Amino acid sequence: MSYKINGWINGLLYQPTSEVSGLLPIPASIHMVAGLQPMISDPTSKILHRYLSNRQGTLFAVIGVHTIDEKKLFSRLMREDPSFNWNKQEPDWKAAVQVWNIKYADGKTIFYKVRVILLFKMKYT
């Protein structure tokens, strides 16, 4: 007496994989370069995204620009800070990340950022 459920896929019908996904800790070398403070366990703190920052091993979570305050800050820094906009050229992202993290990150409306370089090679055949 089984019946088909539309819009649902039974994941148990597929071969399991050894692939893993999750949150990775941010290496100490990146902490130094980006000006990140290590995680301090303080249950009374008002820091948002505590679970994420705990898993990353940082004081504040590392997240892309997403809050209204971050968007306003980014816009202002692009206009005013030489690290973000030197002579209307490409920002010095290494210095810009340090300015952002050291001067402005508060874990409430402004969160840590890191400079990520993705190098990949595409092969067309």
N, C-alpha and C. Protein backbone atom coordinates (compact mmCIF):
# COMPACT_ATOMS: atom_id res chain seq x y z
N MET A 1 0.83 -1.19 0.00
CA MET A 1 0.00 0.00 0.00
C MET A 1 0.88 1.26 0.00
N SER A 2 1.93 1.25 -0.78
CA SER A 2 2.77 2.45 -0.84
C SER A 2 2.23 3.41 -1.90
N TYR A 3 2.56 4.63 -1.73
CA TYR A 3 2.16 5.64 -2.70
C TYR A 3 3.33 6.61 -2.89
N LYS A 4 3.33 7.28 -4.04
CA LYS A 4 4.42 8.18 -4.38
C LYS A 4 4.15 9.56 -3.77
N ILE A 5 5.20 10.11 -3.15
CA ILE A 5 5.12 11.46 -2.60
C ILE A 5 5.81 12.38 -3.60
N ASN A 6 5.09 13.32 -4.16
CA ASN A 6 5.65 14.25 -5.14
C ASN A 6 6.53 15.29 -4.45
N GLY A 7 7.64 15.65 -5.11
CA GLY A 7 8.53 16.69 -4.61
C GLY A 7 9.45 16.24 -3.49
N TRP A 8 9.60 14.94 -3.27
CA TRP A 8 10.44 14.43 -2.18
C TRP A 8 11.32 13.32 -2.72
N ILE A 9 12.60 13.36 -2.34
CA ILE A 9 13.54 12.32 -2.77
C ILE A 9 14.05 11.62 -1.52
N ASN A 10 13.97 10.31 -1.50
CA ASN A 10 14.44 9.52 -0.37
C ASN A 10 15.95 9.35 -0.48
N GLY A 11 16.70 10.07 0.37
CA GLY A 11 18.15 10.00 0.36
C GLY A 11 18.70 8.65 0.75
N LEU A 12 17.89 7.81 1.39
CA LEU A 12 18.35 6.48 1.79
C LEU A 12 18.49 5.52 0.62
N LEU A 13 17.97 5.92 -0.54
CA LEU A 13 18.04 5.05 -1.72
C LEU A 13 19.36 5.22 -2.48
N TYR A 14 20.25 6.10 -2.03
CA TYR A 14 21.49 6.38 -2.73
C TYR A 14 22.69 5.82 -1.97
N GLN A 15 23.77 5.58 -2.71
CA GLN A 15 25.01 5.05 -2.14
C GLN A 15 25.65 6.12 -1.24
N PRO A 16 26.01 5.78 0.01
CA PRO A 16 26.69 6.76 0.88
C PRO A 16 28.05 7.16 0.31
N THR A 17 28.52 8.33 0.68
CA THR A 17 29.81 8.83 0.23
C THR A 17 30.69 9.15 1.44
N SER A 18 31.97 9.24 1.20
CA SER A 18 32.89 9.61 2.29
C SER A 18 33.11 11.12 2.34
N GLU A 19 32.47 11.87 1.45
CA GLU A 19 32.62 13.33 1.40
C GLU A 19 32.06 13.95 2.68
N VAL A 20 32.77 14.96 3.17
CA VAL A 20 32.40 15.62 4.41
C VAL A 20 32.25 17.12 4.15
N SER A 21 31.29 17.73 4.78
CA SER A 21 31.16 19.18 4.70
C SER A 21 31.02 19.73 6.11
N GLY A 22 31.37 20.97 6.28
CA GLY A 22 31.25 21.57 7.60
C GLY A 22 32.04 22.86 7.69
N LEU A 23 32.21 23.34 8.89
CA LEU A 23 32.95 24.56 9.15
C LEU A 23 34.39 24.23 9.53
N LEU A 24 35.31 24.92 8.92
CA LEU A 24 36.71 24.68 9.21
C LEU A 24 37.27 25.79 10.08
N PRO A 25 38.19 25.46 10.98
CA PRO A 25 38.86 26.51 11.73
C PRO A 25 39.76 27.33 10.81
N ILE A 26 39.88 28.61 11.11
CA ILE A 26 40.74 29.48 10.32
C ILE A 26 42.15 29.36 10.88
N PRO A 27 43.13 29.03 10.03
CA PRO A 27 44.50 28.80 10.49
C PRO A 27 45.10 30.03 11.17
N ALA A 28 46.02 29.79 12.10
CA ALA A 28 46.69 30.86 12.84
C ALA A 28 47.42 31.81 11.90
N SER A 29 47.94 31.29 10.80
CA SER A 29 48.65 32.16 9.85
C SER A 29 47.73 33.22 9.26
N ILE A 30 46.47 32.87 9.04
CA ILE A 30 45.50 33.84 8.53
C ILE A 30 45.09 34.79 9.65
N HIS A 31 45.01 34.31 10.88
CA HIS A 31 44.72 35.19 12.02
C HIS A 31 45.72 36.35 12.03
N MET A 32 47.00 36.02 11.88
CA MET A 32 48.06 37.03 11.94
C MET A 32 47.95 38.02 10.80
N VAL A 33 47.79 37.51 9.59
CA VAL A 33 47.77 38.37 8.41
C VAL A 33 46.53 39.27 8.38
N ALA A 34 45.38 38.73 8.79
CA ALA A 34 44.12 39.47 8.69
C ALA A 34 43.77 40.27 9.94
N GLY A 35 44.58 40.15 10.99
CA GLY A 35 44.29 40.89 12.22
C GLY A 35 43.12 40.34 12.99
N LEU A 36 42.94 39.02 12.98
CA LEU A 36 41.84 38.36 13.68
C LEU A 36 42.25 38.01 15.11
N GLN A 37 41.37 38.21 16.04
CA GLN A 37 41.61 37.81 17.42
C GLN A 37 41.09 36.39 17.61
N PRO A 38 41.75 35.57 18.42
CA PRO A 38 41.27 34.21 18.65
C PRO A 38 40.00 34.20 19.49
N MET A 39 39.28 33.11 19.42
CA MET A 39 38.03 32.93 20.16
C MET A 39 38.29 33.00 21.66
N ILE A 40 37.46 33.78 22.36
CA ILE A 40 37.49 33.87 23.81
C ILE A 40 36.13 33.40 24.30
N SER A 41 36.12 32.36 25.09
CA SER A 41 34.86 31.81 25.57
C SER A 41 34.29 32.69 26.68
N ASP A 42 33.23 33.42 26.35
CA ASP A 42 32.55 34.30 27.31
C ASP A 42 31.05 34.19 27.07
N PRO A 43 30.35 33.36 27.83
CA PRO A 43 28.92 33.14 27.59
C PRO A 43 28.06 34.38 27.81
N THR A 44 28.56 35.41 28.46
CA THR A 44 27.76 36.61 28.70
C THR A 44 27.89 37.63 27.58
N SER A 45 28.78 37.39 26.64
CA SER A 45 29.03 38.32 25.55
C SER A 45 27.82 38.41 24.62
N LYS A 46 27.65 39.56 23.99
CA LYS A 46 26.53 39.79 23.07
C LYS A 46 26.93 39.58 21.61
N ILE A 47 28.01 38.86 21.36
CA ILE A 47 28.50 38.63 20.01
C ILE A 47 27.51 37.73 19.26
N LEU A 48 27.17 38.14 18.03
CA LEU A 48 26.28 37.33 17.19
C LEU A 48 27.09 36.24 16.49
N HIS A 49 26.41 35.23 16.05
CA HIS A 49 27.01 34.12 15.31
C HIS A 49 28.11 33.43 16.13
N ARG A 50 27.86 33.28 17.42
CA ARG A 50 28.83 32.69 18.34
C ARG A 50 29.26 31.28 17.90
N TYR A 51 28.30 30.47 17.45
CA TYR A 51 28.64 29.11 17.04
C TYR A 51 29.63 29.14 15.88
N LEU A 52 29.37 29.98 14.90
CA LEU A 52 30.25 30.09 13.74
C LEU A 52 31.64 30.56 14.15
N SER A 53 31.70 31.60 14.98
CA SER A 53 33.02 32.10 15.41
C SER A 53 33.76 31.05 16.24
N ASN A 54 33.02 30.29 17.04
CA ASN A 54 33.64 29.23 17.83
C ASN A 54 34.24 28.16 16.92
N ARG A 55 33.50 27.75 15.91
CA ARG A 55 34.00 26.73 14.98
C ARG A 55 35.18 27.25 14.16
N GLN A 56 35.16 28.55 13.83
CA GLN A 56 36.26 29.13 13.06
C GLN A 56 37.47 29.43 13.94
N GLY A 57 37.25 29.51 15.26
CA GLY A 57 38.33 29.81 16.18
C GLY A 57 38.67 31.29 16.23
N THR A 58 37.69 32.14 15.92
CA THR A 58 37.90 33.59 15.91
C THR A 58 36.99 34.26 16.92
N LEU A 59 37.37 35.47 17.33
CA LEU A 59 36.57 36.22 18.29
C LEU A 59 35.20 36.56 17.70
N PHE A 60 35.19 37.03 16.45
CA PHE A 60 33.95 37.32 15.73
C PHE A 60 33.88 36.41 14.51
N ALA A 61 32.69 36.15 14.03
CA ALA A 61 32.52 35.29 12.86
C ALA A 61 33.09 35.94 11.62
N VAL A 62 33.63 35.12 10.73
CA VAL A 62 34.10 35.58 9.42
C VAL A 62 32.98 35.30 8.43
N ILE A 63 32.37 36.38 7.96
CA ILE A 63 31.22 36.29 7.06
C ILE A 63 31.40 37.34 5.98
N GLY A 64 30.83 37.12 4.80
CA GLY A 64 30.86 38.13 3.74
C GLY A 64 30.08 39.37 4.16
N VAL A 65 30.30 40.47 3.46
CA VAL A 65 29.58 41.72 3.75
C VAL A 65 28.10 41.45 3.60
N HIS A 66 27.34 41.60 4.70
CA HIS A 66 25.93 41.25 4.61
C HIS A 66 24.99 42.16 5.40
N THR A 67 25.45 42.85 6.43
CA THR A 67 24.54 43.70 7.20
C THR A 67 24.48 45.09 6.56
N ILE A 68 23.45 45.83 6.88
CA ILE A 68 23.32 47.20 6.36
C ILE A 68 24.51 48.04 6.82
N ASP A 69 24.89 47.89 8.09
CA ASP A 69 26.04 48.64 8.61
C ASP A 69 27.32 48.30 7.86
N GLU A 70 27.51 47.03 7.52
CA GLU A 70 28.70 46.63 6.77
C GLU A 70 28.68 47.22 5.36
N LYS A 71 27.52 47.23 4.74
CA LYS A 71 27.42 47.80 3.39
C LYS A 71 27.72 49.29 3.42
N LYS A 72 27.22 49.99 4.43
CA LYS A 72 27.51 51.42 4.57
C LYS A 72 29.00 51.65 4.83
N LEU A 73 29.58 50.85 5.72
CA LEU A 73 31.00 50.97 6.04
C LEU A 73 31.84 50.70 4.80
N PHE A 74 31.54 49.64 4.08
CA PHE A 74 32.30 49.30 2.88
C PHE A 74 32.24 50.45 1.87
N SER A 75 31.06 51.02 1.67
CA SER A 75 30.90 52.13 0.75
C SER A 75 31.74 53.33 1.19
N ARG A 76 31.71 53.65 2.49
CA ARG A 76 32.48 54.78 3.01
C ARG A 76 33.98 54.53 2.87
N LEU A 77 34.42 53.32 3.21
CA LEU A 77 35.85 53.01 3.11
C LEU A 77 36.32 53.03 1.66
N MET A 78 35.48 52.61 0.73
CA MET A 78 35.85 52.66 -0.69
C MET A 78 36.04 54.10 -1.15
N ARG A 79 35.34 55.04 -0.54
CA ARG A 79 35.49 56.45 -0.90
C ARG A 79 36.65 57.12 -0.16
N GLU A 80 36.89 56.72 1.12
CA GLU A 80 37.76 57.51 1.98
C GLU A 80 39.09 56.86 2.38
N ASP A 81 39.15 55.55 2.46
CA ASP A 81 40.35 54.90 2.98
C ASP A 81 41.29 54.51 1.85
N PRO A 82 42.56 54.92 1.93
CA PRO A 82 43.52 54.61 0.87
C PRO A 82 43.74 53.11 0.65
N SER A 83 43.56 52.30 1.67
CA SER A 83 43.71 50.85 1.49
C SER A 83 42.65 50.30 0.56
N PHE A 84 41.47 50.89 0.61
CA PHE A 84 40.36 50.43 -0.21
C PHE A 84 40.35 51.08 -1.59
N ASN A 85 40.89 52.28 -1.69
CA ASN A 85 40.82 52.99 -2.95
C ASN A 85 42.01 53.94 -3.07
N TRP A 86 43.12 53.40 -3.48
CA TRP A 86 44.31 54.22 -3.66
C TRP A 86 44.43 54.63 -5.12
N ASN A 87 44.32 55.91 -5.36
CA ASN A 87 44.48 56.47 -6.70
C ASN A 87 43.57 55.77 -7.72
N LYS A 88 42.37 55.42 -7.28
CA LYS A 88 41.36 54.79 -8.13
C LYS A 88 41.87 53.51 -8.82
N GLN A 89 42.68 52.76 -8.08
CA GLN A 89 43.19 51.49 -8.57
C GLN A 89 42.61 50.36 -7.74
N GLU A 90 43.04 49.15 -8.02
CA GLU A 90 42.62 47.97 -7.25
C GLU A 90 42.97 48.17 -5.78
N PRO A 91 42.03 47.88 -4.88
CA PRO A 91 42.33 48.01 -3.44
C PRO A 91 43.48 47.11 -3.02
N ASP A 92 44.18 47.52 -1.99
CA ASP A 92 45.19 46.69 -1.35
C ASP A 92 44.43 45.83 -0.35
N TRP A 93 43.93 44.67 -0.80
CA TRP A 93 43.01 43.88 0.01
C TRP A 93 43.64 43.41 1.31
N LYS A 94 44.93 43.15 1.31
CA LYS A 94 45.59 42.70 2.54
C LYS A 94 45.49 43.80 3.61
N ALA A 95 45.82 45.03 3.22
CA ALA A 95 45.73 46.16 4.15
C ALA A 95 44.27 46.49 4.47
N ALA A 96 43.40 46.39 3.48
CA ALA A 96 41.98 46.71 3.68
C ALA A 96 41.33 45.78 4.70
N VAL A 97 41.66 44.50 4.63
CA VAL A 97 41.12 43.52 5.58
C VAL A 97 41.61 43.84 6.99
N GLN A 98 42.87 44.22 7.12
CA GLN A 98 43.39 44.57 8.43
C GLN A 98 42.69 45.81 9.00
N VAL A 99 42.49 46.83 8.17
CA VAL A 99 41.77 48.03 8.61
C VAL A 99 40.38 47.65 9.08
N TRP A 100 39.67 46.87 8.29
CA TRP A 100 38.30 46.46 8.61
C TRP A 100 38.25 45.71 9.94
N ASN A 101 39.10 44.70 10.07
CA ASN A 101 39.06 43.83 11.25
C ASN A 101 39.54 44.51 12.52
N ILE A 102 40.60 45.30 12.42
CA ILE A 102 41.18 45.91 13.62
C ILE A 102 40.40 47.14 14.07
N LYS A 103 39.98 47.97 13.12
CA LYS A 103 39.30 49.22 13.49
C LYS A 103 37.79 49.10 13.66
N TYR A 104 37.14 48.24 12.89
CA TYR A 104 35.69 48.30 12.81
C TYR A 104 34.92 47.06 13.28
N ALA A 105 35.51 45.87 13.19
CA ALA A 105 34.77 44.65 13.55
C ALA A 105 34.38 44.68 15.02
N ASP A 106 33.08 44.44 15.29
CA ASP A 106 32.59 44.46 16.67
C ASP A 106 31.78 43.21 17.03
N GLY A 107 31.51 42.33 16.07
CA GLY A 107 30.78 41.10 16.36
C GLY A 107 29.29 41.30 16.54
N LYS A 108 28.81 42.51 16.34
CA LYS A 108 27.37 42.80 16.49
C LYS A 108 26.76 43.23 15.17
N THR A 109 27.39 44.18 14.50
CA THR A 109 26.91 44.61 13.19
C THR A 109 28.01 44.56 12.14
N ILE A 110 29.26 44.54 12.58
CA ILE A 110 30.41 44.46 11.68
C ILE A 110 31.21 43.22 12.05
N PHE A 111 31.41 42.33 11.08
CA PHE A 111 32.07 41.05 11.32
C PHE A 111 33.40 40.98 10.60
N TYR A 112 34.24 40.04 11.03
CA TYR A 112 35.55 39.84 10.42
C TYR A 112 35.43 39.50 8.94
N LYS A 113 36.48 39.88 8.22
CA LYS A 113 36.62 39.53 6.81
C LYS A 113 38.01 38.94 6.61
N VAL A 114 38.18 38.13 5.60
CA VAL A 114 39.50 37.62 5.23
C VAL A 114 39.68 37.80 3.73
N ARG A 115 40.93 37.90 3.34
CA ARG A 115 41.26 38.00 1.92
C ARG A 115 41.41 36.58 1.40
N VAL A 116 40.62 36.25 0.42
CA VAL A 116 40.65 34.90 -0.13
C VAL A 116 41.09 34.98 -1.58
N ILE A 117 42.07 34.19 -1.90
CA ILE A 117 42.52 34.11 -3.29
C ILE A 117 42.16 32.72 -3.79
N LEU A 118 41.35 32.70 -4.79
CA LEU A 118 40.97 31.43 -5.39
C LEU A 118 41.72 31.28 -6.70
N LEU A 119 42.56 30.31 -6.76
CA LEU A 119 43.30 30.03 -7.98
C LEU A 119 42.78 28.73 -8.55
N PHE A 120 42.39 28.78 -9.78
CA PHE A 120 41.94 27.54 -10.40
C PHE A 120 42.34 27.55 -11.86
N LYS A 121 42.41 26.39 -12.41
CA LYS A 121 42.81 26.24 -13.79
C LYS A 121 41.71 25.54 -14.53
N MET A 122 41.21 26.19 -15.53
CA MET A 122 40.16 25.58 -16.33
C MET A 122 40.78 25.02 -17.60
N LYS A 123 40.42 23.83 -17.90
CA LYS A 123 40.96 23.19 -19.07
C LYS A 123 39.82 22.97 -20.07
N TYR A 124 39.94 23.57 -21.22
CA TYR A 124 38.93 23.39 -22.26
C TYR A 124 39.45 22.38 -23.26
N THR A 125 38.63 21.44 -23.57
CA THR A 125 39.05 20.45 -24.57
C THR A 125 38.18 20.54 -25.79
